[in-house]
Amino acid sequence: MNIKKAYYVKSAVNPEDYPKDSKPHVVLVGKSNVGKSSFINCIANNKKLAHTSGQPGKTRTVNFYMIDDKFYIVDLPGYGYAKVSKQEQLDWGNMIDTYLHYNANIALILHVLDIRHAPTQLDIQMAEWIQFYGLPVVGIATKSDKIGKTRWKPQVELIRRKLGWSQFIPIIPFSAITSQGKDRVLELMDISINNYYDDL
């Protein structure tokens, strides 16, 4: 897959505001400072597509981006940002859970994690949510340029162990700076989207 066209479609809070078509969704979940916006921009070959901010917690809606008029990349609100109220954190959690519960168009979940750190309790809870809903998932271990390559494998295995993932779930070291892992991510996205259309 080589993405040629990508553009922002809309932001939504409630299910009635989601796009009404049946195009598949590739969904990003992860902590608020894990680099989801940079990931989107790298994957889509558009540095200005998703707004990146030095201040975590800016994504407070479900954001939809159309890719090649074929599928959506969906950015769910980042979780775990401590400097917002407990009510806001609860609202974000409800928004994520509502999206996962009501959406039948999910082709793939990309669970974005920082390769430098062990998953947090909220990361583990998100992995349990994904498993509960029976959704296909790929781990994206961002910021791989920040550590030496020899540390990639042990950090990936740490993530796998903490999240309780089997060896059948790919975890891809990724860098938005160097594009490390980009081709593999696009390959897995392409497979999932094709499977989605085959099942229609």
N, C-alpha and C. Protein backbone atom coordinates (compact mmCIF):
# COMPACT_ATOMS: atom_id res chain seq x y z
N MET A 1 0.84 -1.20 0.00
CA MET A 1 0.00 0.00 0.00
C MET A 1 0.87 1.25 0.00
N ASN A 2 0.53 2.17 -0.89
CA ASN A 2 1.20 3.47 -0.92
C ASN A 2 0.12 4.55 -0.91
N ILE A 3 -0.01 5.22 0.20
CA ILE A 3 -1.10 6.19 0.36
C ILE A 3 -0.82 7.43 -0.49
N LYS A 4 -1.80 7.78 -1.32
CA LYS A 4 -1.64 8.91 -2.23
C LYS A 4 -2.49 10.11 -1.82
N LYS A 5 -3.59 9.86 -1.11
CA LYS A 5 -4.49 10.96 -0.74
C LYS A 5 -5.00 10.75 0.67
N ALA A 6 -4.92 11.77 1.47
CA ALA A 6 -5.41 11.68 2.84
C ALA A 6 -5.92 13.05 3.27
N TYR A 7 -7.10 13.06 3.91
CA TYR A 7 -7.63 14.34 4.36
C TYR A 7 -8.52 14.14 5.59
N TYR A 8 -8.59 15.17 6.40
CA TYR A 8 -9.43 15.18 7.58
C TYR A 8 -10.90 15.24 7.16
N VAL A 9 -11.73 14.42 7.80
CA VAL A 9 -13.16 14.38 7.47
C VAL A 9 -13.98 15.09 8.54
N LYS A 10 -13.89 14.62 9.78
CA LYS A 10 -14.71 15.21 10.83
C LYS A 10 -14.24 14.70 12.19
N SER A 11 -14.72 15.37 13.22
CA SER A 11 -14.55 14.91 14.59
C SER A 11 -15.92 14.62 15.17
N ALA A 12 -15.98 13.64 16.05
CA ALA A 12 -17.27 13.23 16.61
C ALA A 12 -17.11 12.92 18.09
N VAL A 13 -18.21 13.08 18.80
CA VAL A 13 -18.27 12.71 20.21
C VAL A 13 -19.23 11.55 20.40
N ASN A 14 -20.35 11.58 19.67
CA ASN A 14 -21.40 10.58 19.82
C ASN A 14 -21.53 9.71 18.57
N PRO A 15 -22.04 8.48 18.73
CA PRO A 15 -22.16 7.57 17.57
C PRO A 15 -22.95 8.15 16.41
N GLU A 16 -23.95 8.97 16.71
CA GLU A 16 -24.75 9.53 15.60
C GLU A 16 -23.94 10.48 14.72
N ASP A 17 -22.78 10.90 15.21
CA ASP A 17 -21.93 11.80 14.43
C ASP A 17 -20.86 11.07 13.62
N TYR A 18 -20.75 9.75 13.78
CA TYR A 18 -19.77 9.00 13.01
C TYR A 18 -20.15 9.01 11.53
N PRO A 19 -19.20 8.85 10.62
CA PRO A 19 -19.54 8.70 9.20
C PRO A 19 -20.52 7.55 9.00
N LYS A 20 -21.44 7.74 8.08
CA LYS A 20 -22.53 6.77 7.91
C LYS A 20 -22.25 5.70 6.86
N ASP A 21 -21.13 5.79 6.16
CA ASP A 21 -20.85 4.79 5.12
C ASP A 21 -20.29 3.51 5.75
N SER A 22 -20.01 2.53 4.91
CA SER A 22 -19.54 1.23 5.40
C SER A 22 -18.04 1.02 5.16
N LYS A 23 -17.32 2.10 4.88
CA LYS A 23 -15.87 1.96 4.66
C LYS A 23 -15.19 1.51 5.95
N PRO A 24 -14.15 0.68 5.83
CA PRO A 24 -13.50 0.16 7.03
C PRO A 24 -12.74 1.23 7.81
N HIS A 25 -12.59 0.96 9.10
CA HIS A 25 -11.87 1.85 10.00
C HIS A 25 -10.60 1.17 10.50
N VAL A 26 -9.48 1.86 10.37
CA VAL A 26 -8.24 1.47 11.04
C VAL A 26 -8.09 2.42 12.22
N VAL A 27 -8.11 1.88 13.43
CA VAL A 27 -8.32 2.67 14.63
C VAL A 27 -7.05 2.75 15.48
N LEU A 28 -6.70 3.98 15.87
CA LEU A 28 -5.55 4.19 16.74
C LEU A 28 -6.00 4.40 18.18
N VAL A 29 -5.42 3.62 19.08
CA VAL A 29 -5.62 3.83 20.51
C VAL A 29 -4.25 3.93 21.17
N GLY A 30 -4.19 4.69 22.25
CA GLY A 30 -2.93 4.83 22.96
C GLY A 30 -2.94 5.99 23.92
N LYS A 31 -1.91 6.09 24.71
CA LYS A 31 -1.79 7.18 25.68
C LYS A 31 -1.70 8.52 24.96
N SER A 32 -2.00 9.57 25.69
CA SER A 32 -2.13 10.89 25.08
C SER A 32 -0.81 11.46 24.58
N ASN A 33 0.32 10.95 25.05
CA ASN A 33 1.61 11.50 24.61
C ASN A 33 2.46 10.48 23.87
N VAL A 34 1.80 9.48 23.26
CA VAL A 34 2.55 8.36 22.70
C VAL A 34 2.95 8.58 21.24
N GLY A 35 2.42 9.62 20.60
CA GLY A 35 2.84 9.94 19.24
C GLY A 35 1.88 9.47 18.16
N LYS A 36 0.58 9.43 18.47
CA LYS A 36 -0.40 8.98 17.47
C LYS A 36 -0.49 9.93 16.29
N SER A 37 -0.48 11.24 16.56
CA SER A 37 -0.58 12.21 15.46
C SER A 37 0.63 12.12 14.54
N SER A 38 1.81 11.99 15.11
CA SER A 38 3.02 11.83 14.28
C SER A 38 2.97 10.55 13.48
N PHE A 39 2.41 9.50 14.08
CA PHE A 39 2.24 8.23 13.37
C PHE A 39 1.33 8.41 12.16
N ILE A 40 0.18 9.06 12.37
CA ILE A 40 -0.76 9.30 11.27
C ILE A 40 -0.09 10.06 10.14
N ASN A 41 0.61 11.13 10.48
CA ASN A 41 1.24 11.97 9.46
C ASN A 41 2.30 11.19 8.68
N CYS A 42 3.04 10.35 9.36
CA CYS A 42 4.07 9.55 8.70
C CYS A 42 3.44 8.53 7.76
N ILE A 43 2.45 7.80 8.26
CA ILE A 43 1.78 6.77 7.47
C ILE A 43 1.11 7.36 6.23
N ALA A 44 0.51 8.55 6.41
CA ALA A 44 -0.28 9.16 5.34
C ALA A 44 0.55 10.04 4.41
N ASN A 45 1.85 10.16 4.68
CA ASN A 45 2.73 11.01 3.86
C ASN A 45 2.26 12.46 3.83
N ASN A 46 1.78 12.93 4.96
CA ASN A 46 1.27 14.31 5.06
C ASN A 46 1.57 14.84 6.45
N LYS A 47 2.59 15.67 6.54
CA LYS A 47 3.03 16.15 7.86
C LYS A 47 2.03 17.08 8.54
N LYS A 48 1.05 17.56 7.79
CA LYS A 48 0.09 18.51 8.35
C LYS A 48 -1.30 17.91 8.54
N LEU A 49 -1.43 16.61 8.31
CA LEU A 49 -2.76 16.00 8.36
C LEU A 49 -3.34 16.02 9.78
N ALA A 50 -2.61 15.46 10.71
CA ALA A 50 -3.05 15.43 12.10
C ALA A 50 -2.22 16.42 12.89
N HIS A 51 -2.88 17.21 13.72
CA HIS A 51 -2.19 18.23 14.49
C HIS A 51 -1.37 17.59 15.59
N THR A 52 -0.07 17.88 15.60
CA THR A 52 0.80 17.41 16.67
C THR A 52 1.01 18.54 17.66
N SER A 53 1.05 18.18 18.93
CA SER A 53 1.17 19.19 19.97
C SER A 53 2.18 18.74 21.01
N GLY A 54 2.91 19.70 21.54
CA GLY A 54 3.82 19.40 22.64
C GLY A 54 3.08 19.16 23.93
N GLN A 55 1.81 19.54 23.97
CA GLN A 55 1.00 19.36 25.17
C GLN A 55 0.09 18.17 24.98
N PRO A 56 0.26 17.11 25.80
CA PRO A 56 -0.60 15.94 25.67
C PRO A 56 -2.05 16.29 26.00
N GLY A 57 -2.95 15.39 25.60
CA GLY A 57 -4.34 15.52 25.97
C GLY A 57 -5.16 16.42 25.07
N LYS A 58 -4.64 16.76 23.90
CA LYS A 58 -5.35 17.67 23.01
C LYS A 58 -6.48 16.98 22.23
N THR A 59 -6.31 15.68 21.97
CA THR A 59 -7.34 14.97 21.22
C THR A 59 -8.48 14.60 22.16
N ARG A 60 -9.59 15.30 22.03
CA ARG A 60 -10.71 15.09 22.95
C ARG A 60 -11.96 14.63 22.20
N THR A 61 -11.78 14.26 20.96
CA THR A 61 -12.87 13.75 20.14
C THR A 61 -12.38 12.54 19.36
N VAL A 62 -13.31 11.85 18.70
CA VAL A 62 -12.94 10.79 17.77
C VAL A 62 -12.74 11.45 16.40
N ASN A 63 -11.52 11.40 15.89
CA ASN A 63 -11.18 12.11 14.66
C ASN A 63 -11.05 11.13 13.50
N PHE A 64 -11.71 11.48 12.39
CA PHE A 64 -11.76 10.61 11.21
C PHE A 64 -10.97 11.23 10.06
N TYR A 65 -10.09 10.43 9.45
CA TYR A 65 -9.30 10.85 8.30
C TYR A 65 -9.56 9.86 7.16
N MET A 66 -9.90 10.38 5.99
CA MET A 66 -10.16 9.52 4.83
C MET A 66 -8.85 9.26 4.10
N ILE A 67 -8.62 7.99 3.78
CA ILE A 67 -7.38 7.58 3.13
C ILE A 67 -7.70 6.96 1.77
N ASP A 68 -7.23 7.62 0.71
CA ASP A 68 -7.39 7.13 -0.67
C ASP A 68 -8.84 6.80 -1.01
N ASP A 69 -9.78 7.48 -0.37
CA ASP A 69 -11.22 7.26 -0.59
C ASP A 69 -11.62 5.80 -0.39
N LYS A 70 -10.82 5.07 0.39
CA LYS A 70 -11.04 3.63 0.57
C LYS A 70 -11.33 3.26 2.01
N PHE A 71 -10.68 3.95 2.97
CA PHE A 71 -10.88 3.61 4.38
C PHE A 71 -10.56 4.82 5.24
N TYR A 72 -10.97 4.72 6.50
CA TYR A 72 -10.69 5.78 7.47
C TYR A 72 -9.57 5.35 8.42
N ILE A 73 -8.70 6.30 8.74
CA ILE A 73 -7.91 6.19 9.95
C ILE A 73 -8.67 6.95 11.03
N VAL A 74 -8.92 6.29 12.14
CA VAL A 74 -9.72 6.87 13.23
C VAL A 74 -8.82 7.02 14.45
N ASP A 75 -8.68 8.24 14.91
CA ASP A 75 -7.85 8.53 16.08
C ASP A 75 -8.75 8.73 17.29
N LEU A 76 -8.69 7.77 18.22
CA LEU A 76 -9.49 7.88 19.44
C LEU A 76 -8.77 8.76 20.45
N PRO A 77 -9.51 9.35 21.39
CA PRO A 77 -8.88 10.22 22.39
C PRO A 77 -7.77 9.51 23.14
N GLY A 78 -6.64 10.19 23.32
CA GLY A 78 -5.56 9.63 24.11
C GLY A 78 -5.96 9.53 25.57
N TYR A 79 -5.57 8.43 26.20
CA TYR A 79 -5.94 8.24 27.60
C TYR A 79 -4.73 8.46 28.51
N GLY A 80 -5.02 8.65 29.80
CA GLY A 80 -3.95 8.67 30.79
C GLY A 80 -3.29 10.01 31.03
N TYR A 81 -3.86 11.11 30.50
CA TYR A 81 -3.25 12.41 30.73
C TYR A 81 -3.71 12.94 32.08
N ALA A 82 -2.78 13.11 33.00
CA ALA A 82 -3.13 13.38 34.40
C ALA A 82 -3.65 14.79 34.64
N LYS A 83 -3.33 15.74 33.76
CA LYS A 83 -3.64 17.14 34.04
C LYS A 83 -5.02 17.57 33.56
N VAL A 84 -5.91 16.62 33.40
CA VAL A 84 -7.30 16.95 33.15
C VAL A 84 -8.11 16.40 34.31
N SER A 85 -9.33 16.85 34.43
CA SER A 85 -10.16 16.45 35.56
C SER A 85 -10.52 14.97 35.46
N LYS A 86 -10.88 14.42 36.61
CA LYS A 86 -11.33 13.02 36.64
C LYS A 86 -12.55 12.83 35.75
N GLN A 87 -13.42 13.84 35.71
CA GLN A 87 -14.61 13.75 34.87
C GLN A 87 -14.24 13.68 33.40
N GLU A 88 -13.26 14.52 32.98
CA GLU A 88 -12.81 14.48 31.58
C GLU A 88 -12.20 13.12 31.25
N GLN A 89 -11.39 12.59 32.18
CA GLN A 89 -10.81 11.27 31.95
C GLN A 89 -11.90 10.21 31.80
N LEU A 90 -12.93 10.31 32.63
CA LEU A 90 -14.05 9.38 32.55
C LEU A 90 -14.79 9.54 31.22
N ASP A 91 -14.98 10.79 30.80
CA ASP A 91 -15.66 11.06 29.53
C ASP A 91 -14.88 10.46 28.36
N TRP A 92 -13.56 10.61 28.38
CA TRP A 92 -12.75 10.05 27.31
C TRP A 92 -12.87 8.53 27.28
N GLY A 93 -12.81 7.92 28.47
CA GLY A 93 -12.93 6.46 28.55
C GLY A 93 -14.27 6.00 28.00
N ASN A 94 -15.33 6.72 28.35
CA ASN A 94 -16.67 6.37 27.85
C ASN A 94 -16.74 6.53 26.33
N MET A 95 -16.06 7.58 25.81
CA MET A 95 -16.07 7.83 24.37
C MET A 95 -15.38 6.69 23.62
N ILE A 96 -14.27 6.23 24.17
CA ILE A 96 -13.54 5.12 23.55
C ILE A 96 -14.37 3.84 23.60
N ASP A 97 -14.93 3.55 24.77
CA ASP A 97 -15.72 2.34 24.94
C ASP A 97 -16.96 2.36 24.04
N THR A 98 -17.60 3.52 23.93
CA THR A 98 -18.78 3.66 23.07
C THR A 98 -18.42 3.40 21.62
N TYR A 99 -17.30 3.98 21.17
CA TYR A 99 -16.88 3.76 19.78
C TYR A 99 -16.65 2.27 19.52
N LEU A 100 -15.90 1.61 20.39
CA LEU A 100 -15.59 0.20 20.19
C LEU A 100 -16.85 -0.66 20.23
N HIS A 101 -17.81 -0.26 21.05
CA HIS A 101 -19.04 -1.04 21.22
C HIS A 101 -19.98 -0.91 20.03
N TYR A 102 -20.09 0.32 19.52
CA TYR A 102 -21.13 0.59 18.52
C TYR A 102 -20.63 0.48 17.07
N ASN A 103 -19.34 0.37 16.87
CA ASN A 103 -18.84 0.46 15.50
C ASN A 103 -18.62 -0.92 14.89
N ALA A 104 -19.30 -1.18 13.78
CA ALA A 104 -19.17 -2.47 13.10
C ALA A 104 -18.16 -2.41 11.95
N ASN A 105 -17.55 -1.26 11.74
CA ASN A 105 -16.67 -1.08 10.58
C ASN A 105 -15.19 -1.21 10.91
N ILE A 106 -14.87 -1.66 12.10
CA ILE A 106 -13.47 -1.72 12.51
C ILE A 106 -12.78 -2.89 11.80
N ALA A 107 -11.77 -2.56 11.01
CA ALA A 107 -10.97 -3.58 10.32
C ALA A 107 -9.74 -3.96 11.12
N LEU A 108 -9.21 -2.99 11.88
CA LEU A 108 -7.96 -3.23 12.61
C LEU A 108 -7.80 -2.17 13.69
N ILE A 109 -7.31 -2.61 14.86
CA ILE A 109 -6.90 -1.69 15.92
C ILE A 109 -5.38 -1.61 15.93
N LEU A 110 -4.85 -0.40 15.92
CA LEU A 110 -3.42 -0.17 16.11
C LEU A 110 -3.23 0.37 17.52
N HIS A 111 -2.71 -0.48 18.39
CA HIS A 111 -2.48 -0.08 19.78
C HIS A 111 -1.08 0.53 19.87
N VAL A 112 -1.04 1.84 20.06
CA VAL A 112 0.22 2.59 20.00
C VAL A 112 0.82 2.70 21.40
N LEU A 113 2.07 2.25 21.52
CA LEU A 113 2.77 2.24 22.80
C LEU A 113 4.18 2.79 22.61
N ASP A 114 4.75 3.31 23.66
CA ASP A 114 6.12 3.84 23.63
C ASP A 114 7.08 2.69 23.89
N ILE A 115 7.94 2.40 22.91
CA ILE A 115 8.85 1.25 23.02
C ILE A 115 9.80 1.37 24.20
N ARG A 116 10.00 2.59 24.70
CA ARG A 116 10.99 2.81 25.76
C ARG A 116 10.49 2.40 27.13
N HIS A 117 9.17 2.22 27.27
CA HIS A 117 8.59 2.01 28.60
C HIS A 117 7.68 0.79 28.62
N ALA A 118 7.56 0.21 29.80
CA ALA A 118 6.60 -0.86 29.99
C ALA A 118 5.18 -0.30 29.87
N PRO A 119 4.23 -1.06 29.37
CA PRO A 119 2.84 -0.61 29.32
C PRO A 119 2.32 -0.23 30.70
N THR A 120 1.51 0.81 30.74
CA THR A 120 0.89 1.25 31.99
C THR A 120 -0.35 0.40 32.27
N GLN A 121 -0.94 0.62 33.43
CA GLN A 121 -2.18 -0.08 33.77
C GLN A 121 -3.29 0.27 32.79
N LEU A 122 -3.30 1.53 32.32
CA LEU A 122 -4.31 1.93 31.34
C LEU A 122 -4.07 1.26 29.99
N ASP A 123 -2.80 1.07 29.61
CA ASP A 123 -2.50 0.31 28.38
C ASP A 123 -3.02 -1.12 28.51
N ILE A 124 -2.81 -1.71 29.68
CA ILE A 124 -3.28 -3.08 29.91
C ILE A 124 -4.80 -3.13 29.85
N GLN A 125 -5.46 -2.13 30.45
CA GLN A 125 -6.93 -2.07 30.40
C GLN A 125 -7.42 -1.95 28.96
N MET A 126 -6.72 -1.12 28.15
CA MET A 126 -7.10 -0.98 26.74
C MET A 126 -6.95 -2.31 26.01
N ALA A 127 -5.86 -3.02 26.26
CA ALA A 127 -5.65 -4.33 25.63
C ALA A 127 -6.77 -5.29 26.01
N GLU A 128 -7.23 -5.21 27.26
CA GLU A 128 -8.33 -6.07 27.71
C GLU A 128 -9.63 -5.69 27.02
N TRP A 129 -9.86 -4.39 26.82
CA TRP A 129 -11.04 -3.92 26.08
C TRP A 129 -11.04 -4.50 24.67
N ILE A 130 -9.89 -4.38 23.99
CA ILE A 130 -9.77 -4.86 22.61
C ILE A 130 -10.05 -6.36 22.55
N GLN A 131 -9.49 -7.09 23.52
CA GLN A 131 -9.72 -8.54 23.57
C GLN A 131 -11.19 -8.85 23.84
N PHE A 132 -11.81 -8.09 24.73
CA PHE A 132 -13.22 -8.29 25.06
C PHE A 132 -14.10 -8.15 23.82
N TYR A 133 -13.79 -7.16 22.98
CA TYR A 133 -14.59 -6.93 21.78
C TYR A 133 -14.16 -7.83 20.61
N GLY A 134 -13.12 -8.62 20.81
CA GLY A 134 -12.69 -9.57 19.78
C GLY A 134 -12.16 -8.91 18.52
N LEU A 135 -11.46 -7.80 18.69
CA LEU A 135 -11.00 -7.02 17.54
C LEU A 135 -9.56 -7.38 17.16
N PRO A 136 -9.26 -7.41 15.86
CA PRO A 136 -7.88 -7.65 15.43
C PRO A 136 -6.99 -6.49 15.83
N VAL A 137 -5.79 -6.79 16.30
CA VAL A 137 -4.93 -5.73 16.83
C VAL A 137 -3.48 -5.95 16.40
N VAL A 138 -2.80 -4.83 16.19
CA VAL A 138 -1.36 -4.80 15.95
C VAL A 138 -0.77 -3.78 16.91
N GLY A 139 0.34 -4.12 17.53
CA GLY A 139 1.03 -3.18 18.42
C GLY A 139 2.00 -2.31 17.62
N ILE A 140 1.95 -1.00 17.87
CA ILE A 140 2.88 -0.06 17.25
C ILE A 140 3.77 0.50 18.36
N ALA A 141 5.03 0.09 18.36
CA ALA A 141 5.97 0.51 19.40
C ALA A 141 6.74 1.73 18.91
N THR A 142 6.20 2.91 19.21
CA THR A 142 6.73 4.16 18.66
C THR A 142 8.04 4.58 19.33
N LYS A 143 8.64 5.58 18.70
CA LYS A 143 9.86 6.23 19.20
C LYS A 143 11.04 5.27 19.24
N SER A 144 11.07 4.35 18.26
CA SER A 144 12.16 3.37 18.23
C SER A 144 13.51 4.02 17.94
N ASP A 145 13.46 5.24 17.36
CA ASP A 145 14.73 5.95 17.11
C ASP A 145 15.38 6.45 18.39
N LYS A 146 14.64 6.43 19.50
CA LYS A 146 15.14 6.95 20.77
C LYS A 146 15.99 5.95 21.53
N ILE A 147 15.98 4.68 21.10
CA ILE A 147 16.79 3.65 21.76
C ILE A 147 17.58 2.88 20.71
N GLY A 148 18.60 2.18 21.13
CA GLY A 148 19.41 1.39 20.22
C GLY A 148 18.65 0.18 19.71
N LYS A 149 18.98 -0.27 18.51
CA LYS A 149 18.28 -1.40 17.89
C LYS A 149 18.37 -2.67 18.73
N THR A 150 19.48 -2.83 19.48
CA THR A 150 19.62 -4.03 20.29
C THR A 150 18.58 -4.10 21.40
N ARG A 151 17.97 -2.97 21.71
CA ARG A 151 16.95 -2.95 22.78
C ARG A 151 15.54 -3.17 22.25
N TRP A 152 15.39 -3.16 20.93
CA TRP A 152 14.04 -3.30 20.37
C TRP A 152 13.39 -4.62 20.78
N LYS A 153 14.10 -5.73 20.56
CA LYS A 153 13.50 -7.04 20.82
C LYS A 153 13.13 -7.22 22.28
N PRO A 154 14.05 -6.93 23.25
CA PRO A 154 13.63 -7.10 24.64
C PRO A 154 12.48 -6.18 25.05
N GLN A 155 12.43 -4.97 24.51
CA GLN A 155 11.33 -4.06 24.84
C GLN A 155 10.02 -4.54 24.24
N VAL A 156 10.08 -5.06 23.02
CA VAL A 156 8.88 -5.63 22.39
C VAL A 156 8.36 -6.81 23.21
N GLU A 157 9.27 -7.66 23.68
CA GLU A 157 8.85 -8.81 24.47
C GLU A 157 8.29 -8.38 25.82
N LEU A 158 8.81 -7.28 26.38
CA LEU A 158 8.26 -6.73 27.62
C LEU A 158 6.82 -6.27 27.39
N ILE A 159 6.59 -5.56 26.30
CA ILE A 159 5.23 -5.11 25.96
C ILE A 159 4.31 -6.31 25.79
N ARG A 160 4.78 -7.31 25.06
CA ARG A 160 3.96 -8.50 24.80
C ARG A 160 3.58 -9.19 26.11
N ARG A 161 4.55 -9.33 27.00
CA ARG A 161 4.30 -10.02 28.27
C ARG A 161 3.32 -9.24 29.14
N LYS A 162 3.52 -7.93 29.23
CA LYS A 162 2.67 -7.10 30.08
C LYS A 162 1.22 -7.07 29.58
N LEU A 163 1.04 -7.07 28.26
CA LEU A 163 -0.31 -7.00 27.69
C LEU A 163 -0.95 -8.38 27.54
N GLY A 164 -0.17 -9.43 27.77
CA GLY A 164 -0.71 -10.78 27.66
C GLY A 164 -0.98 -11.19 26.23
N TRP A 165 -0.21 -10.63 25.29
CA TRP A 165 -0.43 -10.94 23.88
C TRP A 165 0.34 -12.17 23.45
N SER A 166 -0.26 -12.96 22.58
CA SER A 166 0.41 -14.13 22.03
C SER A 166 1.42 -13.69 20.97
N GLN A 167 2.21 -14.66 20.52
CA GLN A 167 3.20 -14.39 19.48
C GLN A 167 2.55 -14.10 18.13
N PHE A 168 1.25 -14.36 18.03
CA PHE A 168 0.55 -14.13 16.76
C PHE A 168 0.16 -12.66 16.56
N ILE A 169 0.27 -11.85 17.61
CA ILE A 169 -0.04 -10.42 17.49
C ILE A 169 1.26 -9.68 17.18
N PRO A 170 1.36 -9.06 16.00
CA PRO A 170 2.59 -8.35 15.66
C PRO A 170 2.78 -7.11 16.54
N ILE A 171 4.01 -6.86 16.92
CA ILE A 171 4.39 -5.61 17.58
C ILE A 171 5.54 -5.03 16.77
N ILE A 172 5.32 -3.85 16.19
CA ILE A 172 6.26 -3.31 15.22
C ILE A 172 7.00 -2.10 15.79
N PRO A 173 8.32 -2.20 15.94
CA PRO A 173 9.09 -1.00 16.30
C PRO A 173 8.90 0.06 15.22
N PHE A 174 8.53 1.27 15.62
CA PHE A 174 8.15 2.30 14.65
C PHE A 174 8.78 3.63 15.03
N SER A 175 9.16 4.38 14.01
CA SER A 175 9.65 5.75 14.22
C SER A 175 9.07 6.67 13.16
N ALA A 176 8.40 7.71 13.59
CA ALA A 176 7.89 8.72 12.66
C ALA A 176 9.03 9.57 12.11
N ILE A 177 10.18 9.56 12.78
CA ILE A 177 11.34 10.34 12.35
C ILE A 177 12.07 9.65 11.21
N THR A 178 12.31 8.34 11.35
CA THR A 178 13.10 7.59 10.36
C THR A 178 12.23 6.76 9.43
N SER A 179 10.92 6.65 9.72
CA SER A 179 9.97 5.79 8.99
C SER A 179 10.23 4.31 9.22
N GLN A 180 11.02 3.98 10.24
CA GLN A 180 11.20 2.59 10.64
C GLN A 180 9.83 1.96 10.89
N GLY A 181 9.60 0.81 10.27
CA GLY A 181 8.37 0.05 10.48
C GLY A 181 7.21 0.48 9.62
N LYS A 182 7.35 1.57 8.88
CA LYS A 182 6.22 2.09 8.11
C LYS A 182 5.73 1.10 7.06
N ASP A 183 6.63 0.51 6.30
CA ASP A 183 6.22 -0.42 5.24
C ASP A 183 5.46 -1.61 5.82
N ARG A 184 5.92 -2.13 6.95
CA ARG A 184 5.27 -3.28 7.57
C ARG A 184 3.88 -2.91 8.07
N VAL A 185 3.75 -1.72 8.65
CA VAL A 185 2.43 -1.27 9.11
C VAL A 185 1.47 -1.15 7.93
N LEU A 186 1.92 -0.54 6.85
CA LEU A 186 1.07 -0.38 5.68
C LEU A 186 0.66 -1.74 5.10
N GLU A 187 1.59 -2.69 5.13
CA GLU A 187 1.29 -4.04 4.63
C GLU A 187 0.18 -4.67 5.46
N LEU A 188 0.27 -4.57 6.78
CA LEU A 188 -0.74 -5.17 7.66
C LEU A 188 -2.07 -4.44 7.54
N MET A 189 -2.04 -3.13 7.38
CA MET A 189 -3.27 -2.38 7.16
C MET A 189 -3.94 -2.83 5.87
N ASP A 190 -3.16 -3.00 4.82
CA ASP A 190 -3.69 -3.42 3.52
C ASP A 190 -4.36 -4.78 3.62
N ILE A 191 -3.72 -5.72 4.31
CA ILE A 191 -4.29 -7.06 4.49
C ILE A 191 -5.62 -6.97 5.23
N SER A 192 -5.66 -6.19 6.29
CA SER A 192 -6.88 -6.08 7.10
C SER A 192 -8.02 -5.43 6.33
N ILE A 193 -7.70 -4.40 5.55
CA ILE A 193 -8.73 -3.73 4.75
C ILE A 193 -9.27 -4.65 3.67
N ASN A 194 -8.38 -5.37 3.02
CA ASN A 194 -8.82 -6.33 1.99
C ASN A 194 -9.69 -7.42 2.60
N ASN A 195 -9.32 -7.91 3.79
CA ASN A 195 -10.13 -8.92 4.47
C ASN A 195 -11.51 -8.37 4.81
N TYR A 196 -11.54 -7.11 5.22
CA TYR A 196 -12.82 -6.46 5.55
C TYR A 196 -13.74 -6.45 4.33
N TYR A 197 -13.20 -6.02 3.19
CA TYR A 197 -14.03 -5.95 1.98
C TYR A 197 -14.41 -7.35 1.51
N ASP A 198 -13.53 -8.33 1.69
CA ASP A 198 -13.86 -9.70 1.29
C ASP A 198 -15.02 -10.26 2.10
N ASP A 199 -15.14 -9.80 3.35
CA ASP A 199 -16.19 -10.32 4.24
C ASP A 199 -17.53 -9.63 4.05
N LEU A 200 -17.57 -8.53 3.27
CA LEU A 200 -18.83 -7.82 3.09
C LEU A 200 -19.82 -8.66 2.26
